[in-house]
Amino acid sequence: MKKIILAFLVLFGIQEIKAQNKVVTDTIATSTVCGTCKSILEEGLKFEKGVIRVTVLVEEKKIILKYRTDKTDRATLKKKISLLGYQADDVLADPKGFEALPACCKKPHEDEKH
């Protein structure tokens, strides 16, 4: 009987840990325009806490992020993208981050709000 109770407690504990360490794949719209944008975003996000994978689709103007929800969240990642100088969904690009971008990354959307 003790073994059954112990097995149940271990199983319940493992399920609880799995629920806390949920991995999600999320897509965020962004203002990328070139291969340099892709490099900046991938390098800037790949070491962000909780991020497992970063895929930037330049032509589609999207970033696909795979991350652990116990380490980070969508709002934090959007803020990081903004600080890198890019728009992230409804979060505008940080002006200082935008100014630091190479000219090729600014050209098509210089006249837009950042």
C-alpha atoms as a PDB file:
ATOM      1  CA  MET A   1       0.000   0.000   0.000  1.00  0.00           C
ATOM      2  CA  LYS A   2       2.852   2.392   0.826  1.00  0.00           C
ATOM      3  CA  LYS A   3       4.412   1.701  -2.572  1.00  0.00           C
ATOM      4  CA  ILE A   4       1.165   2.595  -4.344  1.00  0.00           C
ATOM      5  CA  ILE A   5       0.834   5.858  -2.426  1.00  0.00           C
ATOM      6  CA  LEU A   6       4.488   6.715  -3.065  1.00  0.00           C
ATOM      7  CA  ALA A   7       4.116   5.942  -6.782  1.00  0.00           C
ATOM      8  CA  PHE A   8       1.018   8.134  -6.947  1.00  0.00           C
ATOM      9  CA  LEU A   9       2.823  11.042  -5.239  1.00  0.00           C
ATOM     10  CA  VAL A  10       5.819  10.756  -7.581  1.00  0.00           C
ATOM     11  CA  LEU A  11       3.554  10.646 -10.638  1.00  0.00           C
ATOM     12  CA  PHE A  12       1.568  13.645  -9.411  1.00  0.00           C
ATOM     13  CA  GLY A  13       4.807  15.571  -8.745  1.00  0.00           C
ATOM     14  CA  ILE A  14       6.143  14.873 -12.250  1.00  0.00           C
ATOM     15  CA  GLN A  15       2.878  16.061 -13.802  1.00  0.00           C
ATOM     16  CA  GLU A  16       3.067  19.257 -11.751  1.00  0.00           C
ATOM     17  CA  ILE A  17       6.624  19.937 -12.954  1.00  0.00           C
ATOM     18  CA  LYS A  18       5.613  19.378 -16.585  1.00  0.00           C
ATOM     19  CA  ALA A  19       2.723  21.819 -16.225  1.00  0.00           C
ATOM     20  CA  GLN A  20       5.056  24.530 -14.902  1.00  0.00           C
ATOM     21  CA  ASN A  21       7.655  24.036 -17.663  1.00  0.00           C
ATOM     22  CA  LYS A  22       5.324  24.521 -20.598  1.00  0.00           C
ATOM     23  CA  VAL A  23       7.008  25.214 -23.932  1.00  0.00           C
ATOM     24  CA  VAL A  24       5.082  27.308 -26.441  1.00  0.00           C
ATOM     25  CA  THR A  25       5.658  28.428 -30.003  1.00  0.00           C
ATOM     26  CA  ASP A  26       4.495  31.961 -30.664  1.00  0.00           C
ATOM     27  CA  THR A  27       4.534  34.302 -33.667  1.00  0.00           C
ATOM     28  CA  ILE A  28       5.150  38.036 -33.373  1.00  0.00           C
ATOM     29  CA  ALA A  29       4.768  40.483 -36.263  1.00  0.00           C
ATOM     30  CA  THR A  30       7.758  42.769 -36.705  1.00  0.00           C
ATOM     31  CA  SER A  31       9.300  45.408 -38.960  1.00  0.00           C
ATOM     32  CA  THR A  32      12.148  43.425 -40.541  1.00  0.00           C
ATOM     33  CA  VAL A  33      13.380  44.375 -44.004  1.00  0.00           C
ATOM     34  CA  CYS A  34      16.656  42.550 -44.696  1.00  0.00           C
ATOM     35  CA  GLY A  35      19.085  39.827 -43.755  1.00  0.00           C
ATOM     36  CA  THR A  36      20.826  42.139 -41.303  1.00  0.00           C
ATOM     37  CA  CYS A  37      17.524  42.551 -39.446  1.00  0.00           C
ATOM     38  CA  LYS A  38      17.281  38.764 -39.277  1.00  0.00           C
ATOM     39  CA  SER A  39      20.785  38.500 -37.793  1.00  0.00           C
ATOM     40  CA  ILE A  40      20.211  41.278 -35.246  1.00  0.00           C
ATOM     41  CA  LEU A  41      16.949  39.754 -34.029  1.00  0.00           C
ATOM     42  CA  GLU A  42      18.200  36.161 -33.921  1.00  0.00           C
ATOM     43  CA  GLU A  43      21.383  37.131 -32.064  1.00  0.00           C
ATOM     44  CA  GLY A  44      19.534  39.499 -29.752  1.00  0.00           C
ATOM     45  CA  LEU A  45      16.862  36.981 -28.776  1.00  0.00           C
ATOM     46  CA  LYS A  46      18.606  33.603 -28.763  1.00  0.00           C
ATOM     47  CA  PHE A  47      20.213  34.122 -25.350  1.00  0.00           C
ATOM     48  CA  GLU A  48      17.134  35.695 -23.793  1.00  0.00           C
ATOM     49  CA  LYS A  49      16.095  33.744 -20.699  1.00  0.00           C
ATOM     50  CA  GLY A  50      13.678  30.933 -21.598  1.00  0.00           C
ATOM     51  CA  VAL A  51      14.081  31.203 -25.380  1.00  0.00           C
ATOM     52  CA  ILE A  52      14.697  27.852 -27.064  1.00  0.00           C
ATOM     53  CA  ARG A  53      14.525  28.794 -30.750  1.00  0.00           C
ATOM     54  CA  VAL A  54      14.258  31.992 -32.811  1.00  0.00           C
ATOM     55  CA  THR A  55      13.253  31.978 -36.475  1.00  0.00           C
ATOM     56  CA  VAL A  56      12.979  35.295 -38.324  1.00  0.00           C
ATOM     57  CA  LEU A  57      10.982  35.269 -41.555  1.00  0.00           C
ATOM     58  CA  VAL A  58      12.036  38.545 -43.199  1.00  0.00           C
ATOM     59  CA  GLU A  59       9.646  38.535 -46.165  1.00  0.00           C
ATOM     60  CA  GLU A  60       6.678  37.631 -43.955  1.00  0.00           C
ATOM     61  CA  LYS A  61       7.777  40.187 -41.315  1.00  0.00           C
ATOM     62  CA  LYS A  62       7.404  37.595 -38.544  1.00  0.00           C
ATOM     63  CA  ILE A  63       9.432  36.141 -35.722  1.00  0.00           C
ATOM     64  CA  ILE A  64       8.611  32.623 -34.595  1.00  0.00           C
ATOM     65  CA  LEU A  65       9.728  32.053 -31.014  1.00  0.00           C
ATOM     66  CA  LYS A  66       9.798  28.818 -29.072  1.00  0.00           C
ATOM     67  CA  TYR A  67      10.158  29.506 -25.343  1.00  0.00           C
ATOM     68  CA  ARG A  68       9.486  28.241 -21.835  1.00  0.00           C
ATOM     69  CA  THR A  69       6.592  29.987 -20.125  1.00  0.00           C
ATOM     70  CA  ASP A  70       8.137  29.448 -16.684  1.00  0.00           C
ATOM     71  CA  LYS A  71      11.140  31.576 -17.736  1.00  0.00           C
ATOM     72  CA  THR A  72       9.633  34.328 -19.929  1.00  0.00           C
ATOM     73  CA  ASP A  73       6.429  35.529 -21.536  1.00  0.00           C
ATOM     74  CA  ARG A  74       5.162  37.180 -24.712  1.00  0.00           C
ATOM     75  CA  ALA A  75       5.197  40.715 -23.265  1.00  0.00           C
ATOM     76  CA  THR A  76       8.834  40.402 -22.157  1.00  0.00           C
ATOM     77  CA  LEU A  77       9.898  39.145 -25.576  1.00  0.00           C
ATOM     78  CA  LYS A  78       8.014  41.944 -27.344  1.00  0.00           C
ATOM     79  CA  LYS A  79       9.784  44.482 -25.120  1.00  0.00           C
ATOM     80  CA  LYS A  80      13.170  42.954 -26.010  1.00  0.00           C
ATOM     81  CA  ILE A  81      12.340  43.145 -29.738  1.00  0.00           C
ATOM     82  CA  SER A  82      11.397  46.805 -29.275  1.00  0.00           C
ATOM     83  CA  LEU A  83      14.688  47.532 -27.489  1.00  0.00           C
ATOM     84  CA  LEU A  84      16.525  45.991 -30.447  1.00  0.00           C
ATOM     85  CA  GLY A  85      14.902  48.671 -32.643  1.00  0.00           C
ATOM     86  CA  TYR A  86      12.005  46.775 -34.199  1.00  0.00           C
ATOM     87  CA  GLN A  87       8.252  46.937 -33.851  1.00  0.00           C
ATOM     88  CA  ALA A  88       6.737  43.880 -32.141  1.00  0.00           C
ATOM     89  CA  ASP A  89       3.005  43.555 -32.863  1.00  0.00           C
ATOM     90  CA  ASP A  90       1.522  46.667 -31.220  1.00  0.00           C
ATOM     91  CA  VAL A  91       4.714  47.628 -29.336  1.00  0.00           C
ATOM     92  CA  LEU A  92       6.558  50.340 -31.239  1.00  0.00           C
ATOM     93  CA  ALA A  93      10.313  50.201 -31.762  1.00  0.00           C
ATOM     94  CA  ASP A  94      12.347  51.884 -29.043  1.00  0.00           C
ATOM     95  CA  PRO A  95      13.736  55.131 -30.572  1.00  0.00           C
ATOM     96  CA  LYS A  96      17.274  54.542 -29.230  1.00  0.00           C
ATOM     97  CA  GLY A  97      17.277  50.963 -30.514  1.00  0.00           C
ATOM     98  CA  PHE A  98      15.977  52.106 -33.896  1.00  0.00           C
ATOM     99  CA  GLU A  99      18.671  54.786 -34.222  1.00  0.00           C
ATOM    100  CA  ALA A 100      21.364  52.176 -33.470  1.00  0.00           C
ATOM    101  CA  LEU A 101      20.252  49.990 -36.400  1.00  0.00           C
ATOM    102  CA  PRO A 102      22.273  49.963 -39.628  1.00  0.00           C
ATOM    103  CA  ALA A 103      20.900  52.146 -42.435  1.00  0.00           C
ATOM    104  CA  CYS A 104      19.691  49.118 -44.421  1.00  0.00           C
ATOM    105  CA  CYS A 105      17.376  48.142 -41.556  1.00  0.00           C
ATOM    106  CA  LYS A 106      15.844  51.644 -41.289  1.00  0.00           C
ATOM    107  CA  LYS A 107      15.423  52.588 -44.940  1.00  0.00           C
ATOM    108  CA  PRO A 108      11.913  51.333 -45.860  1.00  0.00           C
ATOM    109  CA  HIS A 109      10.269  52.540 -42.661  1.00  0.00           C
ATOM    110  CA  GLU A 110      12.155  55.750 -41.796  1.00  0.00           C
ATOM    111  CA  ASP A 111       9.011  57.824 -42.192  1.00  0.00           C
ATOM    112  CA  GLU A 112       6.828  55.526 -40.086  1.00  0.00           C
ATOM    113  CA  LYS A 113       6.311  55.915 -36.365  1.00  0.00           C
ATOM    114  CA  HIS A 114       8.711  53.749 -34.414  1.00  0.00           C
END
